[in-house]
Amino acid sequence: MADDGLFGELPEQPAPRTEAVPRGAPRLREPVRNQVELRAIDIDSLIGQDHPARVIWAYVEGLDLSELEDRVKARENRPGHPAPSPRLLLALWLYGTSDSVGSARALDRLCDSHDVYRWFCGGVSLNYHTLSDFRVGCAELLDRLLVEHLVALNAAGLVDLEKLAQDGVRIRANAGTGSFRREATLERQMAQATAAVEELKREIDADPEASNRRIRAARERAARERSERVQAAQRALDEIKRKRKQLDDKGGTARSRRSPGPPPPTRRPG
């Protein structure tokens, strides 16, 4: 049976109309770096293999800390909770001092929130009282160790004693500018380190917010320097575009000068 007998004559369907649809803004997935993300990660990967913290830890591992370990009351075959390693506490205070951190409360917060300090802790839980008691309980010994190790790390290029004053550690005000000119290099560095340790030690209880102010100042300075670098890169890009346009304009002018005119008419032989 023919199809015309089934359906008859169907009306002609008009072609779909194509109307201009406004494009609108593109829908994109942008990075959001302030969101909280839960993920499993091994502690050792929190910092790079070439991070200075690894060298400082290796340096602390090689020290004889029997003076500090003899003060630990928790002993084998005796009841009691194991104490945090004096090596860990010394490394934290050493790195914190080189990072202009003198407050035990600020150091405690960094151990919870900052990847470098979390790497140092390696899963060992600490609190403000433990950090403060260690710093105050053996202040004379720890002052000597911090001064000696800051000078040694400065000589190795891992700590910059001159830069400790940038965010508020008043090294020169405490040690005296004249003494730096008179003393030999090692003695000058010892004076710098001693002044830095003394200045930061005052903040343990007297001014615990000083470390936070320096941390904020360092972040603001880093943000300011980052903005200046971005602006410099933008100016360099604008200059590159301007130079390229000049070259393109010169090239177009040269090509127009070299372009031949229309060919002369061909003369027929008479």
C-alpha atoms as a PDB file:
ATOM      1  CA  MET A   1       0.000   0.000   0.000  1.00  0.00           C
ATOM      2  CA  ALA A   2       1.398   3.452  -0.876  1.00  0.00           C
ATOM      3  CA  ASP A   3       2.438   5.831   1.875  1.00  0.00           C
ATOM      4  CA  ASP A   4       0.115   8.559   0.452  1.00  0.00           C
ATOM      5  CA  GLY A   5      -2.830   6.327   1.261  1.00  0.00           C
ATOM      6  CA  LEU A   6      -1.847   6.087   4.899  1.00  0.00           C
ATOM      7  CA  PHE A   7      -0.957   9.693   5.756  1.00  0.00           C
ATOM      8  CA  GLY A   8      -2.398  11.680   2.929  1.00  0.00           C
ATOM      9  CA  GLU A   9      -0.755  14.953   2.133  1.00  0.00           C
ATOM     10  CA  LEU A  10       1.183  16.261   5.117  1.00  0.00           C
ATOM     11  CA  PRO A  11       1.528  20.009   5.524  1.00  0.00           C
ATOM     12  CA  GLU A  12       4.937  21.386   4.720  1.00  0.00           C
ATOM     13  CA  GLN A  13       6.957  21.997   7.849  1.00  0.00           C
ATOM     14  CA  PRO A  14       8.615  25.398   8.010  1.00  0.00           C
ATOM     15  CA  ALA A  15      12.377  25.472   8.501  1.00  0.00           C
ATOM     16  CA  PRO A  16      13.452  26.292  12.066  1.00  0.00           C
ATOM     17  CA  ARG A  17      14.125  29.943  12.559  1.00  0.00           C
ATOM     18  CA  THR A  18      17.647  30.844  13.558  1.00  0.00           C
ATOM     19  CA  GLU A  19      17.637  33.852  15.800  1.00  0.00           C
ATOM     20  CA  ALA A  20      20.707  35.555  17.167  1.00  0.00           C
ATOM     21  CA  VAL A  21      21.120  34.433  20.763  1.00  0.00           C
ATOM     22  CA  PRO A  22      23.168  36.714  23.031  1.00  0.00           C
ATOM     23  CA  ARG A  23      26.399  34.983  23.986  1.00  0.00           C
ATOM     24  CA  GLY A  24      26.713  36.330  27.531  1.00  0.00           C
ATOM     25  CA  ALA A  25      29.731  35.892  29.753  1.00  0.00           C
ATOM     26  CA  PRO A  26      31.597  32.580  29.576  1.00  0.00           C
ATOM     27  CA  ARG A  27      30.973  30.081  32.351  1.00  0.00           C
ATOM     28  CA  LEU A  28      34.331  29.044  33.769  1.00  0.00           C
ATOM     29  CA  ARG A  29      35.736  27.100  36.688  1.00  0.00           C
ATOM     30  CA  GLU A  30      38.154  29.334  38.565  1.00  0.00           C
ATOM     31  CA  PRO A  31      40.474  28.227  41.400  1.00  0.00           C
ATOM     32  CA  VAL A  32      39.213  28.999  44.916  1.00  0.00           C
ATOM     33  CA  ARG A  33      42.204  28.655  47.206  1.00  0.00           C
ATOM     34  CA  ASN A  34      40.592  29.726  50.488  1.00  0.00           C
ATOM     35  CA  GLN A  35      38.236  26.749  50.608  1.00  0.00           C
ATOM     36  CA  VAL A  36      38.736  23.970  53.120  1.00  0.00           C
ATOM     37  CA  GLU A  37      39.812  20.693  51.543  1.00  0.00           C
ATOM     38  CA  LEU A  38      40.113  17.405  53.369  1.00  0.00           C
ATOM     39  CA  ARG A  39      42.711  15.117  51.869  1.00  0.00           C
ATOM     40  CA  ALA A  40      45.115  12.439  52.976  1.00  0.00           C
ATOM     41  CA  ILE A  41      48.745  13.485  52.723  1.00  0.00           C
ATOM     42  CA  ASP A  42      51.987  12.254  54.197  1.00  0.00           C
ATOM     43  CA  ILE A  43      53.670  14.776  56.450  1.00  0.00           C
ATOM     44  CA  ASP A  44      57.012  14.582  54.673  1.00  0.00           C
ATOM     45  CA  SER A  45      55.481  15.995  51.481  1.00  0.00           C
ATOM     46  CA  LEU A  46      54.332  19.177  53.242  1.00  0.00           C
ATOM     47  CA  ILE A  47      57.597  20.884  52.263  1.00  0.00           C
ATOM     48  CA  GLY A  48      59.935  20.527  49.309  1.00  0.00           C
ATOM     49  CA  GLN A  49      63.035  18.402  49.355  1.00  0.00           C
ATOM     50  CA  ASP A  50      65.224  21.520  49.186  1.00  0.00           C
ATOM     51  CA  HIS A  51      63.427  23.454  51.946  1.00  0.00           C
ATOM     52  CA  PRO A  52      65.810  25.007  54.527  1.00  0.00           C
ATOM     53  CA  ALA A  53      63.802  23.356  57.322  1.00  0.00           C
ATOM     54  CA  ARG A  54      65.214  19.977  56.271  1.00  0.00           C
ATOM     55  CA  VAL A  55      68.771  21.257  56.626  1.00  0.00           C
ATOM     56  CA  ILE A  56      67.995  22.798  60.025  1.00  0.00           C
ATOM     57  CA  TRP A  57      66.476  19.529  61.223  1.00  0.00           C
ATOM     58  CA  ALA A  58      69.473  17.541  59.970  1.00  0.00           C
ATOM     59  CA  TYR A  59      71.692  20.028  61.788  1.00  0.00           C
ATOM     60  CA  VAL A  60      69.728  19.638  65.051  1.00  0.00           C
ATOM     61  CA  GLU A  61      69.793  15.848  64.693  1.00  0.00           C
ATOM     62  CA  GLY A  62      73.574  15.923  64.820  1.00  0.00           C
ATOM     63  CA  LEU A  63      73.755  17.907  68.077  1.00  0.00           C
ATOM     64  CA  ASP A  64      74.576  16.455  71.483  1.00  0.00           C
ATOM     65  CA  LEU A  65      71.512  17.419  73.544  1.00  0.00           C
ATOM     66  CA  SER A  66      72.279  15.305  76.578  1.00  0.00           C
ATOM     67  CA  GLU A  67      71.979  18.434  78.761  1.00  0.00           C
ATOM     68  CA  LEU A  68      68.346  18.791  77.724  1.00  0.00           C
ATOM     69  CA  GLU A  69      67.533  15.088  77.652  1.00  0.00           C
ATOM     70  CA  ASP A  70      68.810  14.647  81.222  1.00  0.00           C
ATOM     71  CA  ARG A  71      66.008  16.939  82.370  1.00  0.00           C
ATOM     72  CA  VAL A  72      63.274  14.676  81.001  1.00  0.00           C
ATOM     73  CA  LYS A  73      61.455  12.918  83.855  1.00  0.00           C
ATOM     74  CA  ALA A  74      59.743  10.245  81.731  1.00  0.00           C
ATOM     75  CA  ARG A  75      62.034   7.197  81.684  1.00  0.00           C
ATOM     76  CA  GLU A  76      61.932   3.639  80.401  1.00  0.00           C
ATOM     77  CA  ASN A  77      60.343   1.016  82.695  1.00  0.00           C
ATOM     78  CA  ARG A  78      58.556   3.791  84.590  1.00  0.00           C
ATOM     79  CA  PRO A  79      54.926   4.926  84.337  1.00  0.00           C
ATOM     80  CA  GLY A  80      54.157   8.219  82.693  1.00  0.00           C
ATOM     81  CA  HIS A  81      53.390   9.732  79.335  1.00  0.00           C
ATOM     82  CA  PRO A  82      56.373  10.167  76.976  1.00  0.00           C
ATOM     83  CA  ALA A  83      57.631  13.748  76.795  1.00  0.00           C
ATOM     84  CA  PRO A  84      58.118  15.659  73.543  1.00  0.00           C
ATOM     85  CA  SER A  85      61.657  15.332  72.297  1.00  0.00           C
ATOM     86  CA  PRO A  86      63.930  18.209  73.362  1.00  0.00           C
ATOM     87  CA  ARG A  87      65.388  17.941  69.867  1.00  0.00           C
ATOM     88  CA  LEU A  88      61.970  18.768  68.411  1.00  0.00           C
ATOM     89  CA  LEU A  89      61.371  21.627  70.850  1.00  0.00           C
ATOM     90  CA  LEU A  90      64.811  23.077  70.178  1.00  0.00           C
ATOM     91  CA  ALA A  91      64.274  22.808  66.409  1.00  0.00           C
ATOM     92  CA  LEU A  92      60.920  24.595  66.704  1.00  0.00           C
ATOM     93  CA  TRP A  93      62.317  27.426  68.796  1.00  0.00           C
ATOM     94  CA  LEU A  94      65.379  27.679  66.570  1.00  0.00           C
ATOM     95  CA  TYR A  95      63.343  27.870  63.390  1.00  0.00           C
ATOM     96  CA  GLY A  96      60.810  30.156  65.081  1.00  0.00           C
ATOM     97  CA  THR A  97      63.571  32.515  66.248  1.00  0.00           C
ATOM     98  CA  SER A  98      65.002  32.637  62.727  1.00  0.00           C
ATOM     99  CA  ASP A  99      61.435  33.374  61.574  1.00  0.00           C
ATOM    100  CA  SER A 100      61.067  36.260  64.095  1.00  0.00           C
ATOM    101  CA  VAL A 101      58.642  34.277  66.274  1.00  0.00           C
ATOM    102  CA  GLY A 102      59.183  34.811  70.001  1.00  0.00           C
ATOM    103  CA  SER A 103      55.740  34.045  71.436  1.00  0.00           C
ATOM    104  CA  ALA A 104      54.891  30.525  72.602  1.00  0.00           C
ATOM    105  CA  ARG A 105      51.240  31.121  71.688  1.00  0.00           C
ATOM    106  CA  ALA A 106      52.176  32.191  68.162  1.00  0.00           C
ATOM    107  CA  LEU A 107      54.464  29.176  67.840  1.00  0.00           C
ATOM    108  CA  ASP A 108      51.656  26.912  69.048  1.00  0.00           C
ATOM    109  CA  ARG A 109      49.296  28.289  66.399  1.00  0.00           C
ATOM    110  CA  LEU A 110      51.917  27.831  63.699  1.00  0.00           C
ATOM    111  CA  CYS A 111      52.386  24.191  64.698  1.00  0.00           C
ATOM    112  CA  ASP A 112      48.684  23.676  63.922  1.00  0.00           C
ATOM    113  CA  SER A 113      48.330  25.781  60.792  1.00  0.00           C
ATOM    114  CA  HIS A 114      51.698  26.214  59.031  1.00  0.00           C
ATOM    115  CA  ASP A 115      53.037  23.379  56.891  1.00  0.00           C
ATOM    116  CA  VAL A 116      56.692  23.941  57.813  1.00  0.00           C
ATOM    117  CA  TYR A 117      56.005  23.809  61.552  1.00  0.00           C
ATOM    118  CA  ARG A 118      53.654  20.855  61.075  1.00  0.00           C
ATOM    119  CA  TRP A 119      56.494  19.100  59.262  1.00  0.00           C
ATOM    120  CA  PHE A 120      58.809  19.752  62.196  1.00  0.00           C
ATOM    121  CA  CYS A 121      56.221  18.307  64.627  1.00  0.00           C
ATOM    122  CA  GLY A 122      55.812  15.168  62.537  1.00  0.00           C
ATOM    123  CA  GLY A 123      52.545  14.249  64.253  1.00  0.00           C
ATOM    124  CA  VAL A 124      53.715  15.068  67.793  1.00  0.00           C
ATOM    125  CA  SER A 125      50.964  17.069  69.497  1.00  0.00           C
ATOM    126  CA  LEU A 126      52.146  20.156  71.368  1.00  0.00           C
ATOM    127  CA  ASN A 127      50.499  23.013  73.210  1.00  0.00           C
ATOM    128  CA  TYR A 128      51.329  26.474  74.413  1.00  0.00           C
ATOM    129  CA  HIS A 129      52.261  25.353  77.937  1.00  0.00           C
ATOM    130  CA  THR A 130      54.741  22.739  76.705  1.00  0.00           C
ATOM    131  CA  LEU A 131      56.460  25.215  74.402  1.00  0.00           C
ATOM    132  CA  SER A 132      56.506  27.963  77.042  1.00  0.00           C
ATOM    133  CA  ASP A 133      57.707  25.698  79.863  1.00  0.00           C
ATOM    134  CA  PHE A 134      60.554  24.412  77.721  1.00  0.00           C
ATOM    135  CA  ARG A 135      61.597  27.954  76.776  1.00  0.00           C
ATOM    136  CA  VAL A 136      61.392  29.325  80.324  1.00  0.00           C
ATOM    137  CA  GLY A 137      62.434  26.219  82.259  1.00  0.00           C
ATOM    138  CA  CYS A 138      65.899  26.049  80.734  1.00  0.00           C
ATOM    139  CA  ALA A 139      66.195  29.669  79.617  1.00  0.00           C
ATOM    140  CA  GLU A 140      69.923  30.088  80.288  1.00  0.00           C
ATOM    141  CA  LEU A 141      70.884  26.884  78.497  1.00  0.00           C
ATOM    142  CA  LEU A 142      68.456  27.480  75.662  1.00  0.00           C
ATOM    143  CA  ASP A 143      69.624  31.077  75.209  1.00  0.00           C
ATOM    144  CA  ARG A 144      73.188  29.855  74.778  1.00  0.00           C
ATOM    145  CA  LEU A 145      72.151  27.109  72.347  1.00  0.00           C
ATOM    146  CA  LEU A 146      69.976  29.463  70.298  1.00  0.00           C
ATOM    147  CA  VAL A 147      72.716  32.074  70.023  1.00  0.00           C
ATOM    148  CA  GLU A 148      75.366  29.521  69.036  1.00  0.00           C
ATOM    149  CA  HIS A 149      73.127  27.789  66.522  1.00  0.00           C
ATOM    150  CA  LEU A 150      71.814  31.022  64.990  1.00  0.00           C
ATOM    151  CA  VAL A 151      75.399  32.123  64.334  1.00  0.00           C
ATOM    152  CA  ALA A 152      76.289  28.698  62.905  1.00  0.00           C
ATOM    153  CA  LEU A 153      73.227  28.661  60.651  1.00  0.00           C
ATOM    154  CA  ASN A 154      73.932  32.236  59.597  1.00  0.00           C
ATOM    155  CA  ALA A 155      77.431  31.177  58.547  1.00  0.00           C
ATOM    156  CA  ALA A 156      75.856  28.348  56.506  1.00  0.00           C
ATOM    157  CA  GLY A 157      73.474  30.776  54.797  1.00  0.00           C
ATOM    158  CA  LEU A 158      70.351  29.244  56.374  1.00  0.00           C
ATOM    159  CA  VAL A 159      69.575  32.202  58.632  1.00  0.00           C
ATOM    160  CA  ASP A 160      70.059  35.899  57.880  1.00  0.00           C
ATOM    161  CA  LEU A 161      70.698  37.793  61.112  1.00  0.00           C
ATOM    162  CA  GLU A 162      70.526  41.107  59.281  1.00  0.00           C
ATOM    163  CA  LYS A 163      66.981  40.441  58.083  1.00  0.00           C
ATOM    164  CA  LEU A 164      65.663  39.583  61.533  1.00  0.00           C
ATOM    165  CA  ALA A 165      65.285  43.314  62.151  1.00  0.00           C
ATOM    166  CA  GLN A 166      63.053  43.934  59.129  1.00  0.00           C
ATOM    167  CA  ASP A 167      59.796  43.054  60.873  1.00  0.00           C
ATOM    168  CA  GLY A 168      60.504  44.508  64.280  1.00  0.00           C
ATOM    169  CA  VAL A 169      63.300  42.572  66.015  1.00  0.00           C
ATOM    170  CA  ARG A 170      65.346  45.532  67.275  1.00  0.00           C
ATOM    171  CA  ILE A 171      68.776  43.917  67.019  1.00  0.00           C
ATOM    172  CA  ARG A 172      70.792  47.053  66.384  1.00  0.00           C
ATOM    173  CA  ALA A 173      68.954  49.048  69.066  1.00  0.00           C
ATOM    174  CA  ASN A 174      69.826  46.436  71.670  1.00  0.00           C
ATOM    175  CA  ALA A 175      73.386  45.632  70.683  1.00  0.00           C
ATOM    176  CA  GLY A 176      74.487  49.126  69.698  1.00  0.00           C
ATOM    177  CA  THR A 177      75.549  50.220  66.236  1.00  0.00           C
ATOM    178  CA  GLY A 178      79.021  51.244  67.368  1.00  0.00           C
ATOM    179  CA  SER A 179      79.807  47.800  68.714  1.00  0.00           C
ATOM    180  CA  PHE A 180      79.149  46.258  65.311  1.00  0.00           C
ATOM    181  CA  ARG A 181      81.827  48.457  63.766  1.00  0.00           C
ATOM    182  CA  ARG A 182      84.396  47.678  66.460  1.00  0.00           C
ATOM    183  CA  GLU A 183      83.894  43.951  66.842  1.00  0.00           C
ATOM    184  CA  ALA A 184      85.189  41.203  64.597  1.00  0.00           C
ATOM    185  CA  THR A 185      82.785  39.378  62.300  1.00  0.00           C
ATOM    186  CA  LEU A 186      82.133  36.400  64.582  1.00  0.00           C
ATOM    187  CA  GLU A 187      81.768  38.602  67.656  1.00  0.00           C
ATOM    188  CA  ARG A 188      79.430  40.907  65.752  1.00  0.00           C
ATOM    189  CA  GLN A 189      77.258  37.970  64.738  1.00  0.00           C
ATOM    190  CA  MET A 190      77.236  36.677  68.307  1.00  0.00           C
ATOM    191  CA  ALA A 191      76.078  40.112  69.459  1.00  0.00           C
ATOM    192  CA  GLN A 192      73.357  40.155  66.810  1.00  0.00           C
ATOM    193  CA  ALA A 193      72.131  36.689  67.712  1.00  0.00           C
ATOM    194  CA  THR A 194      72.205  37.450  71.454  1.00  0.00           C
ATOM    195  CA  ALA A 195      70.205  40.648  70.945  1.00  0.00           C
ATOM    196  CA  ALA A 196      67.660  38.825  68.784  1.00  0.00           C
ATOM    197  CA  VAL A 197      67.219  36.004  71.302  1.00  0.00           C
ATOM    198  CA  GLU A 198      66.844  38.459  74.193  1.00  0.00           C
ATOM    199  CA  GLU A 199      64.338  40.591  72.292  1.00  0.00           C
ATOM    200  CA  LEU A 200      62.219  37.613  71.282  1.00  0.00           C
ATOM    201  CA  LYS A 201      62.389  36.064  74.756  1.00  0.00           C
ATOM    202  CA  ARG A 202      60.669  39.136  76.235  1.00  0.00           C
ATOM    203  CA  GLU A 203      57.613  38.348  74.143  1.00  0.00           C
ATOM    204  CA  ILE A 204      56.910  34.949  75.695  1.00  0.00           C
ATOM    205  CA  ASP A 205      54.698  36.541  78.353  1.00  0.00           C
ATOM    206  CA  ALA A 206      55.172  40.311  78.160  1.00  0.00           C
ATOM    207  CA  ASP A 207      53.970  40.882  74.596  1.00  0.00           C
ATOM    208  CA  PRO A 208      52.627  37.684  73.026  1.00  0.00           C
ATOM    209  CA  GLU A 209      51.037  39.634  70.156  1.00  0.00           C
ATOM    210  CA  ALA A 210      54.374  41.003  68.942  1.00  0.00           C
ATOM    211  CA  SER A 211      55.086  37.831  66.971  1.00  0.00           C
ATOM    212  CA  ASN A 212      51.664  38.022  65.358  1.00  0.00           C
ATOM    213  CA  ARG A 213      52.307  41.630  64.385  1.00  0.00           C
ATOM    214  CA  ARG A 214      55.596  40.634  62.772  1.00  0.00           C
ATOM    215  CA  ILE A 215      53.939  37.737  60.963  1.00  0.00           C
ATOM    216  CA  ARG A 216      51.292  40.131  59.631  1.00  0.00           C
ATOM    217  CA  ALA A 217      53.984  42.657  58.696  1.00  0.00           C
ATOM    218  CA  ALA A 218      55.914  39.969  56.813  1.00  0.00           C
ATOM    219  CA  ARG A 219      52.761  38.907  54.962  1.00  0.00           C
ATOM    220  CA  GLU A 220      51.915  42.509  54.085  1.00  0.00           C
ATOM    221  CA  ARG A 221      55.449  43.095  52.852  1.00  0.00           C
ATOM    222  CA  ALA A 222      55.314  39.904  50.777  1.00  0.00           C
ATOM    223  CA  ALA A 223      51.951  40.944  49.294  1.00  0.00           C
ATOM    224  CA  ARG A 224      53.321  44.411  48.528  1.00  0.00           C
ATOM    225  CA  GLU A 225      56.423  43.002  46.871  1.00  0.00           C
ATOM    226  CA  ARG A 226      54.288  40.527  44.908  1.00  0.00           C
ATOM    227  CA  SER A 227      52.066  43.379  43.679  1.00  0.00           C
ATOM    228  CA  GLU A 228      55.124  45.375  42.648  1.00  0.00           C
ATOM    229  CA  ARG A 229      56.467  42.405  40.671  1.00  0.00           C
ATOM    230  CA  VAL A 230      53.108  41.948  38.933  1.00  0.00           C
ATOM    231  CA  GLN A 231      52.990  45.632  38.014  1.00  0.00           C
ATOM    232  CA  ALA A 232      56.550  45.446  36.717  1.00  0.00           C
ATOM    233  CA  ALA A 233      55.621  42.420  34.585  1.00  0.00           C
ATOM    234  CA  GLN A 234      52.584  44.267  33.217  1.00  0.00           C
ATOM    235  CA  ARG A 235      54.718  47.283  32.309  1.00  0.00           C
ATOM    236  CA  ALA A 236      57.204  44.984  30.600  1.00  0.00           C
ATOM    237  CA  LEU A 237      54.374  43.344  28.641  1.00  0.00           C
ATOM    238  CA  ASP A 238      53.046  46.740  27.529  1.00  0.00           C
ATOM    239  CA  GLU A 239      56.542  47.679  26.369  1.00  0.00           C
ATOM    240  CA  ILE A 240      56.858  44.397  24.433  1.00  0.00           C
ATOM    241  CA  LYS A 241      53.520  45.045  22.713  1.00  0.00           C
ATOM    242  CA  ARG A 242      54.575  48.593  21.840  1.00  0.00           C
ATOM    243  CA  LYS A 243      57.867  47.398  20.364  1.00  0.00           C
ATOM    244  CA  ARG A 244      56.125  44.674  18.398  1.00  0.00           C
ATOM    245  CA  LYS A 245      53.628  47.172  16.966  1.00  0.00           C
ATOM    246  CA  GLN A 246      56.474  49.449  15.910  1.00  0.00           C
ATOM    247  CA  LEU A 247      58.185  46.549  14.158  1.00  0.00           C
ATOM    248  CA  ASP A 248      54.940  45.520  12.451  1.00  0.00           C
ATOM    249  CA  ASP A 249      54.308  49.095  11.298  1.00  0.00           C
ATOM    250  CA  LYS A 250      57.836  49.401   9.950  1.00  0.00           C
ATOM    251  CA  GLY A 251      57.533  46.060   8.195  1.00  0.00           C
ATOM    252  CA  GLY A 252      54.218  47.058   6.598  1.00  0.00           C
ATOM    253  CA  THR A 253      55.681  50.354   5.376  1.00  0.00           C
ATOM    254  CA  ALA A 254      58.717  48.603   3.925  1.00  0.00           C
ATOM    255  CA  ARG A 255      56.549  46.046   2.140  1.00  0.00           C
ATOM    256  CA  SER A 256      54.371  48.803   0.644  1.00  0.00           C
ATOM    257  CA  ARG A 257      57.471  50.561  -0.628  1.00  0.00           C
ATOM    258  CA  ARG A 258      58.790  47.385  -2.215  1.00  0.00           C
ATOM    259  CA  SER A 259      55.473  46.341  -3.820  1.00  0.00           C
ATOM    260  CA  PRO A 260      55.704  46.766  -7.611  1.00  0.00           C
ATOM    261  CA  GLY A 261      53.099  48.789  -9.526  1.00  0.00           C
ATOM    262  CA  PRO A 262      50.851  47.382 -12.231  1.00  0.00           C
ATOM    263  CA  PRO A 263      52.722  45.881 -15.221  1.00  0.00           C
ATOM    264  CA  PRO A 264      53.006  48.124 -18.311  1.00  0.00           C
ATOM    265  CA  PRO A 265      50.598  47.339 -21.162  1.00  0.00           C
ATOM    266  CA  THR A 266      51.871  44.977 -23.773  1.00  0.00           C
ATOM    267  CA  ARG A 267      52.370  46.652 -27.158  1.00  0.00           C
ATOM    268  CA  ARG A 268      51.231  44.759 -30.200  1.00  0.00           C
ATOM    269  CA  PRO A 269      53.609  44.691 -33.130  1.00  0.00           C
ATOM    270  CA  GLY A 270      52.454  47.079 -35.903  1.00  0.00           C
END
